[in-house]
Amino acid sequence: MSPQVFIEEARDGNARAGRLHTPRGDVLTPVFMPVGTQATVKSLSSGDLETLGAQIILGNTYHLALRPGAELISDLGGLHGFMSWKGAILTDSGGYQIFSLAARRKIDDDGVTFQSHIDGSAQRFTPESAMQIQSQLGSNIAMAFDECPPADAPREAVIAAMDRTTRWAHRCLTVAPAPGQLRFGIVQGGTHVDLRQRHLEQMAPLGFDGMALGGLSVGEPPPIMHEVVKAMAPLMPRDRARYLMGVGTPRDLLICIRAGIDMFDCVMPTRNARNGHLFTPDGHLNIGNAAHKTDRRPVVEGCPCEACTRYNRAYLSHLFRAKEILYYRLATLHNLQFYLDLVRGARQAILEGRIDSYVDTALARLG
């Protein structure tokens, strides 16, 4: 584990504001990471992300290894050079695809064989190869290769996934990282708090630079997920960043920041944007509704994104109905602006000792 990677700057209850040191600069937490699975946050340029103030984005090892390939990306300057991104990058290891591509993979103790979703070819991933690919990609944070079981997996299957994840974690740490690259371990255990605690006790001493909770928001009801996070976040090492993978809604972020989580990622703001769902402090707005055809108001009054400062709901409604490409960019800008501002506001509230008021007020407005 690298020294002084994460510094806790302030604490308010269990919520905390921190600073994660990376070779690409400090990441101020709590933080939301836009998802750029294939070296792009869909419909946005790296310049757009800079304008939004995104500090760190996420890329996916599985997808980038298949296309265009880790060697090509490495030859072109790593992910940062390839996509001309100056900020930090975290890469998922491909472990989530064990869950999401369950029909296209076979898992064993050594690793996983995927049937490529692109051309059907067999693609073998092991803990060692997943870490080697992330080293070639040159990400600033590499996630350990883990097994993510579905929400409805029986307890015995969850235990088996935990044990395999622990064995794989040891193997991940045998692979040399890229210069300055941090490595995060992943805690599994489904919705069983006792299993989560057991797995954290196994993972925390291994020397990872940060710790993540994986295997949540995979089908379980949100209140159950929230209870697991509330139980686990305060138990995670205080001297390391705490990352909740793949979560979630604005409500999820607020609740889990108050519980003590530092880092989040989710496709929801970008995916929902493309489907016509725009986030506002009062809940989401469906731009496809007829009421917006003649509405001269911005999506959110006072929002600094380009969609709100330059255009109105009527125009966005037209673009959405006409399936114009511009709609996808503007809607994605807005939704990411909302998420980033929500989390930045939470950080400021922690620094000022008013996180309960901030979260309660925001949750009441969201309904």
Protein backbone atom coordinates (compact mmCIF):
# COMPACT_ATOMS: atom_id res chain seq x y z
CA MET A 1 0.00 0.00 0.00
CA SER A 2 1.33 3.43 -0.96
CA PRO A 3 1.84 5.85 1.97
CA GLN A 4 -0.61 8.73 2.54
CA VAL A 5 -2.79 7.88 -0.47
CA PHE A 6 -5.97 9.08 1.22
CA ILE A 7 -6.35 11.86 3.77
CA GLU A 8 -9.58 12.41 5.69
CA GLU A 9 -10.00 16.18 5.88
CA ALA A 10 -13.29 16.45 7.77
CA ARG A 11 -15.91 14.23 9.32
CA ASP A 12 -19.56 14.92 10.12
CA GLY A 13 -21.13 11.89 11.76
CA ASN A 14 -20.06 9.01 9.53
CA ALA A 15 -19.82 11.23 6.44
CA ARG A 16 -16.38 12.43 5.52
CA ALA A 17 -14.60 14.77 3.13
CA GLY A 18 -11.25 13.55 1.91
CA ARG A 19 -8.43 13.89 -0.57
CA LEU A 20 -7.21 10.97 -2.70
CA HIS A 21 -3.71 11.44 -4.09
CA THR A 22 -3.17 10.22 -7.67
CA PRO A 23 -0.44 10.89 -10.24
CA ARG A 24 -3.02 13.01 -12.08
CA GLY A 25 -3.68 15.24 -9.10
CA ASP A 26 -5.76 15.04 -5.97
CA VAL A 27 -9.35 13.82 -6.17
CA LEU A 28 -11.57 15.56 -3.64
CA THR A 29 -14.15 13.29 -2.06
CA PRO A 30 -17.00 12.51 -1.94
CA VAL A 31 -16.76 12.15 -5.70
CA PHE A 32 -18.90 10.82 -8.54
CA MET A 33 -17.10 9.22 -11.48
CA PRO A 34 -18.78 9.47 -14.91
CA VAL A 35 -18.67 6.11 -16.66
CA GLY A 36 -16.58 5.98 -19.83
CA THR A 37 -16.73 2.23 -20.45
CA GLN A 38 -15.08 2.30 -23.88
CA ALA A 39 -12.75 5.28 -23.33
CA THR A 40 -15.64 7.70 -23.83
CA VAL A 41 -18.46 9.03 -21.72
CA LYS A 42 -21.20 8.55 -24.28
CA SER A 43 -21.88 11.67 -26.39
CA LEU A 44 -19.35 13.85 -24.52
CA SER A 45 -15.81 14.93 -25.31
CA SER A 46 -13.01 15.10 -22.79
CA GLY A 47 -13.34 18.88 -23.07
CA ASP A 48 -17.00 18.61 -22.04
CA LEU A 49 -15.97 16.64 -18.96
CA GLU A 50 -13.38 19.27 -18.06
CA THR A 51 -16.03 21.99 -18.34
CA LEU A 52 -18.28 20.00 -16.00
CA GLY A 53 -15.44 19.76 -13.48
CA ALA A 54 -15.22 15.98 -13.49
CA GLN A 55 -12.14 14.93 -11.53
CA ILE A 56 -12.01 11.24 -12.37
CA ILE A 57 -13.75 8.93 -14.85
CA LEU A 58 -14.16 5.17 -15.13
CA GLY A 59 -13.14 2.83 -17.94
CA ASN A 60 -13.75 -0.90 -18.31
CA THR A 61 -10.98 -3.46 -18.65
CA TYR A 62 -13.09 -6.14 -20.34
CA HIS A 63 -14.51 -3.88 -23.05
CA LEU A 64 -11.25 -2.06 -23.78
CA ALA A 65 -9.28 -5.32 -23.93
CA LEU A 66 -11.67 -6.61 -26.59
CA ARG A 67 -11.79 -3.37 -28.54
CA PRO A 68 -9.46 -1.70 -29.45
CA GLY A 69 -7.04 -3.76 -27.31
CA ALA A 70 -4.76 -2.89 -24.42
CA GLU A 71 -1.57 -3.00 -26.50
CA LEU A 72 -2.89 -0.44 -28.98
CA ILE A 73 -4.01 1.87 -26.17
CA SER A 74 -0.63 1.48 -24.49
CA ASP A 75 1.17 2.35 -27.72
CA LEU A 76 -0.96 5.49 -28.08
CA GLY A 77 -0.11 6.87 -24.67
CA GLY A 78 -2.36 4.84 -22.40
CA LEU A 79 -5.95 5.79 -21.74
CA HIS A 80 -5.03 9.38 -20.92
CA GLY A 81 -3.26 9.93 -24.22
CA PHE A 82 -5.73 7.83 -26.19
CA MET A 83 -8.77 9.87 -25.12
CA SER A 84 -6.91 13.13 -24.38
CA TRP A 85 -8.02 13.21 -20.75
CA LYS A 86 -5.94 15.07 -18.18
CA GLY A 87 -7.75 13.94 -15.04
CA ALA A 88 -7.63 10.67 -13.13
CA ILE A 89 -8.98 7.36 -14.44
CA LEU A 90 -10.19 4.29 -12.55
CA THR A 91 -10.57 1.02 -14.45
CA ASP A 92 -12.95 -1.72 -13.41
CA SER A 93 -11.31 -5.12 -13.71
CA GLY A 94 -13.99 -6.94 -15.68
CA GLY A 95 -15.33 -8.65 -12.57
CA TYR A 96 -18.74 -7.04 -13.02
CA GLN A 97 -19.02 -8.75 -16.41
CA ILE A 98 -19.01 -12.07 -14.54
CA PHE A 99 -22.44 -10.94 -13.34
CA SER A 100 -23.71 -8.97 -16.34
CA LEU A 101 -22.53 -11.46 -18.98
CA ALA A 102 -23.38 -14.59 -17.02
CA ALA A 103 -24.88 -16.26 -20.09
CA ARG A 104 -21.65 -15.75 -22.03
CA ARG A 105 -19.01 -16.92 -19.54
CA LYS A 106 -17.66 -19.94 -17.72
CA ILE A 107 -15.95 -19.43 -14.38
CA ASP A 108 -13.43 -21.64 -12.61
CA ASP A 109 -10.92 -21.17 -9.81
CA ASP A 110 -8.22 -19.98 -12.20
CA GLY A 111 -10.30 -17.35 -14.00
CA VAL A 112 -13.13 -16.75 -16.46
CA THR A 113 -13.64 -17.56 -20.13
CA PHE A 114 -15.97 -15.12 -21.86
CA GLN A 115 -17.61 -15.54 -25.23
CA SER A 116 -16.97 -12.16 -26.82
CA HIS A 117 -20.12 -10.12 -27.34
CA ILE A 118 -18.42 -8.67 -30.45
CA ASP A 119 -17.41 -11.72 -32.48
CA GLY A 120 -18.12 -14.76 -30.29
CA SER A 121 -14.45 -15.59 -29.76
CA ALA A 122 -13.24 -17.07 -26.47
CA GLN A 123 -11.59 -14.49 -24.21
CA ARG A 124 -9.75 -15.68 -21.12
CA PHE A 125 -9.41 -13.41 -18.08
CA THR A 126 -7.49 -14.29 -14.93
CA PRO A 127 -6.59 -12.11 -11.94
CA GLU A 128 -3.10 -11.73 -13.38
CA SER A 129 -4.22 -10.83 -16.89
CA ALA A 130 -6.85 -8.37 -15.63
CA MET A 131 -4.20 -6.49 -13.66
CA GLN A 132 -1.71 -6.65 -16.53
CA ILE A 133 -4.29 -5.16 -18.91
CA GLN A 134 -4.97 -2.34 -16.44
CA SER A 135 -1.24 -1.71 -16.21
CA GLN A 136 -1.09 -1.42 -20.00
CA LEU A 137 -4.10 0.92 -19.98
CA GLY A 138 -2.22 3.13 -17.53
CA SER A 139 -5.18 3.91 -15.31
CA ASN A 140 -4.51 5.66 -12.01
CA ILE A 141 -6.63 3.18 -10.02
CA ALA A 142 -6.85 -0.50 -10.95
CA MET A 143 -9.56 -2.64 -9.41
CA ALA A 144 -8.88 -6.20 -8.29
CA PHE A 145 -10.49 -8.99 -10.29
CA ASP A 146 -13.46 -10.32 -8.31
CA GLU A 147 -16.55 -12.48 -8.64
CA CYS A 148 -19.80 -10.53 -8.40
CA PRO A 149 -22.73 -12.85 -7.56
CA PRO A 150 -26.34 -11.90 -8.39
CA ALA A 151 -28.65 -10.53 -5.71
CA ASP A 152 -30.69 -13.75 -5.55
CA ALA A 153 -27.66 -16.04 -5.18
CA PRO A 154 -28.03 -18.52 -2.28
CA ARG A 155 -25.83 -17.92 0.75
CA GLU A 156 -23.55 -20.81 -0.17
CA ALA A 157 -22.89 -19.30 -3.60
CA VAL A 158 -22.16 -15.91 -2.04
CA ILE A 159 -19.62 -17.52 0.30
CA ALA A 160 -17.99 -19.31 -2.63
CA ALA A 161 -17.73 -16.01 -4.53
CA MET A 162 -16.22 -14.34 -1.46
CA ASP A 163 -13.61 -17.03 -1.03
CA ARG A 164 -12.71 -16.98 -4.71
CA THR A 165 -12.45 -13.17 -4.65
CA THR A 166 -10.05 -13.40 -1.70
CA ARG A 167 -7.84 -15.94 -3.48
CA TRP A 168 -7.89 -13.83 -6.63
CA ALA A 169 -7.02 -10.69 -4.62
CA HIS A 170 -3.77 -12.30 -3.46
CA ARG A 171 -2.93 -13.13 -7.08
CA CYS A 172 -3.79 -9.60 -8.26
CA LEU A 173 -1.21 -8.16 -5.91
CA THR A 174 1.57 -10.27 -7.45
CA VAL A 175 1.34 -8.27 -10.71
CA ALA A 176 3.42 -5.09 -10.90
CA PRO A 177 1.24 -2.00 -11.36
CA ALA A 178 1.90 0.80 -13.82
CA PRO A 179 4.06 3.60 -12.33
CA GLY A 180 2.06 5.33 -9.61
CA GLN A 181 -0.99 3.14 -10.20
CA LEU A 182 -3.12 2.54 -7.10
CA ARG A 183 -4.94 -0.75 -6.53
CA PHE A 184 -8.29 -1.19 -4.80
CA GLY A 185 -9.63 -4.41 -3.31
CA ILE A 186 -13.29 -5.39 -3.43
CA VAL A 187 -15.45 -6.69 -0.60
CA GLN A 188 -18.24 -9.09 -1.55
CA GLY A 189 -20.88 -10.81 0.57
CA GLY A 190 -24.20 -9.99 -1.04
CA THR A 191 -26.80 -8.57 1.34
CA HIS A 192 -25.48 -10.64 4.26
CA VAL A 193 -23.86 -8.17 6.66
CA ASP A 194 -22.10 -10.94 8.59
CA LEU A 195 -20.51 -12.20 5.37
CA ARG A 196 -19.54 -8.68 4.38
CA GLN A 197 -17.83 -8.19 7.73
CA ARG A 198 -16.02 -11.52 7.38
CA HIS A 199 -14.83 -10.63 3.91
CA LEU A 200 -13.69 -7.16 4.94
CA GLU A 201 -11.60 -8.76 7.68
CA GLN A 202 -9.93 -10.91 5.02
CA MET A 203 -9.40 -8.11 2.49
CA ALA A 204 -8.39 -5.12 4.62
CA PRO A 205 -4.96 -6.49 5.70
CA LEU A 206 -3.83 -7.31 2.14
CA GLY A 207 -2.38 -3.87 1.45
CA PHE A 208 -4.72 -2.45 -1.17
CA ASP A 209 -4.67 1.35 -1.50
CA GLY A 210 -8.46 1.60 -1.28
CA MET A 211 -11.43 -0.63 -0.52
CA ALA A 212 -14.65 -1.05 -2.49
CA LEU A 213 -18.02 -2.60 -1.81
CA GLY A 214 -18.97 -4.65 -4.87
CA GLY A 215 -21.99 -6.78 -5.63
CA LEU A 216 -24.61 -4.21 -4.61
CA SER A 217 -27.28 -2.60 -6.76
CA VAL A 218 -27.49 -5.88 -8.69
CA GLY A 219 -31.19 -6.52 -8.14
CA GLU A 220 -31.75 -6.18 -4.40
CA PRO A 221 -34.30 -3.59 -3.14
CA PRO A 222 -32.67 -0.20 -2.48
CA PRO A 223 -33.57 -0.13 1.24
CA ILE A 224 -31.69 -3.40 1.75
CA MET A 225 -28.68 -2.06 -0.11
CA HIS A 226 -28.76 1.08 2.05
CA GLU A 227 -28.79 -0.99 5.25
CA VAL A 228 -25.79 -3.01 4.10
CA VAL A 229 -23.87 0.17 3.28
CA LYS A 230 -24.81 1.81 6.58
CA ALA A 231 -23.51 -1.24 8.43
CA MET A 232 -20.31 -1.63 6.41
CA ALA A 233 -19.03 1.84 5.55
CA PRO A 234 -18.03 2.79 9.13
CA LEU A 235 -16.11 -0.51 9.42
CA MET A 236 -13.98 0.10 6.32
CA PRO A 237 -10.43 1.37 6.93
CA ARG A 238 -10.43 5.05 7.80
CA ASP A 239 -7.08 5.65 6.09
CA ARG A 240 -8.28 4.45 2.69
CA ALA A 241 -10.86 5.62 0.17
CA ARG A 242 -14.20 3.79 0.34
CA TYR A 243 -15.79 3.10 -3.04
CA LEU A 244 -19.36 1.87 -3.62
CA MET A 245 -19.36 0.32 -7.08
CA GLY A 246 -22.16 0.91 -9.58
CA VAL A 247 -24.41 3.04 -7.35
CA GLY A 248 -26.73 4.77 -8.10
CA THR A 249 -29.68 7.17 -7.93
CA PRO A 250 -29.36 10.65 -6.39
CA ARG A 251 -31.13 9.26 -3.32
CA ASP A 252 -28.61 6.40 -3.12
CA LEU A 253 -25.68 8.81 -3.28
CA LEU A 254 -27.02 11.05 -0.54
CA ILE A 255 -27.80 8.18 1.82
CA CYS A 256 -24.48 6.46 1.22
CA ILE A 257 -22.39 9.62 1.53
CA ARG A 258 -23.96 10.15 4.93
CA ALA A 259 -23.06 6.53 5.77
CA GLY A 260 -19.38 7.18 5.02
CA ILE A 261 -18.81 6.32 1.33
CA ASP A 262 -16.30 8.42 -0.63
CA MET A 263 -16.51 7.31 -4.27
CA PHE A 264 -19.33 6.38 -6.65
CA ASP A 265 -19.91 5.50 -10.29
CA CYS A 266 -23.06 4.67 -12.20
CA VAL A 267 -24.35 4.71 -15.79
CA MET A 268 -27.67 6.14 -14.61
CA PRO A 269 -27.11 9.83 -15.41
CA THR A 270 -25.85 9.10 -18.93
CA ARG A 271 -28.23 6.25 -19.73
CA ASN A 272 -31.26 8.06 -18.37
CA ALA A 273 -30.34 11.14 -20.37
CA ARG A 274 -30.46 9.19 -23.60
CA ASN A 275 -33.90 7.84 -22.64
CA GLY A 276 -35.38 11.26 -21.99
CA HIS A 277 -35.10 11.29 -18.19
CA LEU A 278 -33.49 14.47 -16.86
CA PHE A 279 -32.62 14.88 -13.20
CA THR A 280 -33.81 17.87 -11.17
CA PRO A 281 -33.79 18.65 -7.43
CA ASP A 282 -37.49 17.77 -7.45
CA GLY A 283 -37.10 14.37 -9.08
CA HIS A 284 -36.62 13.35 -12.68
CA LEU A 285 -38.34 15.06 -15.59
CA ASN A 286 -39.45 13.13 -18.68
CA ILE A 287 -38.65 15.48 -21.55
CA GLY A 288 -40.80 13.39 -23.87
CA ASN A 289 -44.00 14.37 -22.06
CA ALA A 290 -46.34 16.56 -24.11
CA ALA A 291 -46.31 19.27 -21.44
CA HIS A 292 -42.75 20.21 -22.41
CA LYS A 293 -43.45 20.86 -26.11
CA THR A 294 -44.08 24.57 -25.51
CA ASP A 295 -42.31 25.05 -22.17
CA ARG A 296 -39.98 28.06 -22.29
CA ARG A 297 -38.27 27.26 -18.98
CA PRO A 298 -34.85 25.64 -18.63
CA VAL A 299 -34.76 22.12 -17.26
CA VAL A 300 -33.48 23.53 -13.93
CA GLU A 301 -33.41 27.24 -13.19
CA GLY A 302 -29.88 28.25 -12.22
CA CYS A 303 -28.20 25.07 -13.47
CA PRO A 304 -24.88 26.08 -15.10
CA CYS A 305 -24.88 23.38 -17.81
CA GLU A 306 -25.17 24.34 -21.47
CA ALA A 307 -28.59 22.69 -21.81
CA CYS A 308 -30.04 24.97 -19.12
CA THR A 309 -28.14 28.21 -19.77
CA ARG A 310 -28.74 28.28 -23.53
CA TYR A 311 -31.84 26.21 -24.32
CA ASN A 312 -35.33 25.60 -22.99
CA ARG A 313 -37.44 22.51 -22.40
CA ALA A 314 -39.38 23.02 -25.63
CA TYR A 315 -36.21 22.83 -27.71
CA LEU A 316 -34.89 19.80 -25.84
CA SER A 317 -38.30 18.14 -26.25
CA HIS A 318 -38.11 18.72 -30.00
CA LEU A 319 -34.57 17.34 -30.23
CA PHE A 320 -35.54 14.25 -28.24
CA ARG A 321 -38.62 13.53 -30.35
CA ALA A 322 -36.66 14.07 -33.57
CA LYS A 323 -33.85 11.84 -32.28
CA GLU A 324 -31.33 14.56 -33.06
CA ILE A 325 -27.78 13.79 -31.96
CA LEU A 326 -27.48 17.14 -30.19
CA TYR A 327 -30.14 16.06 -27.68
CA TYR A 328 -27.95 13.25 -26.34
CA ARG A 329 -25.04 15.59 -25.69
CA LEU A 330 -27.12 18.29 -24.00
CA ALA A 331 -29.10 15.85 -21.88
CA THR A 332 -25.94 14.03 -20.77
CA LEU A 333 -24.28 17.33 -19.88
CA HIS A 334 -27.25 18.24 -17.73
CA ASN A 335 -27.54 14.95 -15.88
CA LEU A 336 -23.83 14.78 -15.13
CA GLN A 337 -23.87 18.41 -14.00
CA PHE A 338 -26.67 17.50 -11.58
CA TYR A 339 -24.79 14.50 -10.18
CA LEU A 340 -21.47 16.30 -9.86
CA ASP A 341 -23.07 19.32 -8.19
CA LEU A 342 -25.03 17.09 -5.81
CA VAL A 343 -21.84 15.41 -4.61
CA ARG A 344 -19.84 18.64 -4.52
CA GLY A 345 -22.61 20.11 -2.38
CA ALA A 346 -22.37 17.14 -0.02
CA ARG A 347 -18.61 17.67 0.34
CA GLN A 348 -19.12 21.32 1.24
CA ALA A 349 -21.84 20.36 3.73
CA ILE A 350 -19.46 17.91 5.43
CA LEU A 351 -16.76 20.56 5.65
CA GLU A 352 -19.28 22.92 7.27
CA GLY A 353 -20.74 20.29 9.62
CA ARG A 354 -24.25 20.27 8.15
CA ILE A 355 -24.49 17.02 6.22
CA ASP A 356 -27.69 15.89 7.95
CA SER A 357 -29.49 19.08 6.96
CA TYR A 358 -28.13 18.87 3.40
CA VAL A 359 -29.19 15.25 2.92
CA ASP A 360 -32.58 15.62 4.60
CA THR A 361 -33.47 18.69 2.56
CA ALA A 362 -32.35 17.11 -0.72
CA LEU A 363 -34.21 13.87 0.00
CA ALA A 364 -37.39 15.75 0.88
CA ARG A 365 -37.28 17.60 -2.45
CA LEU A 366 -36.59 14.46 -4.44
CA GLY A 367 -39.70 12.92 -2.89
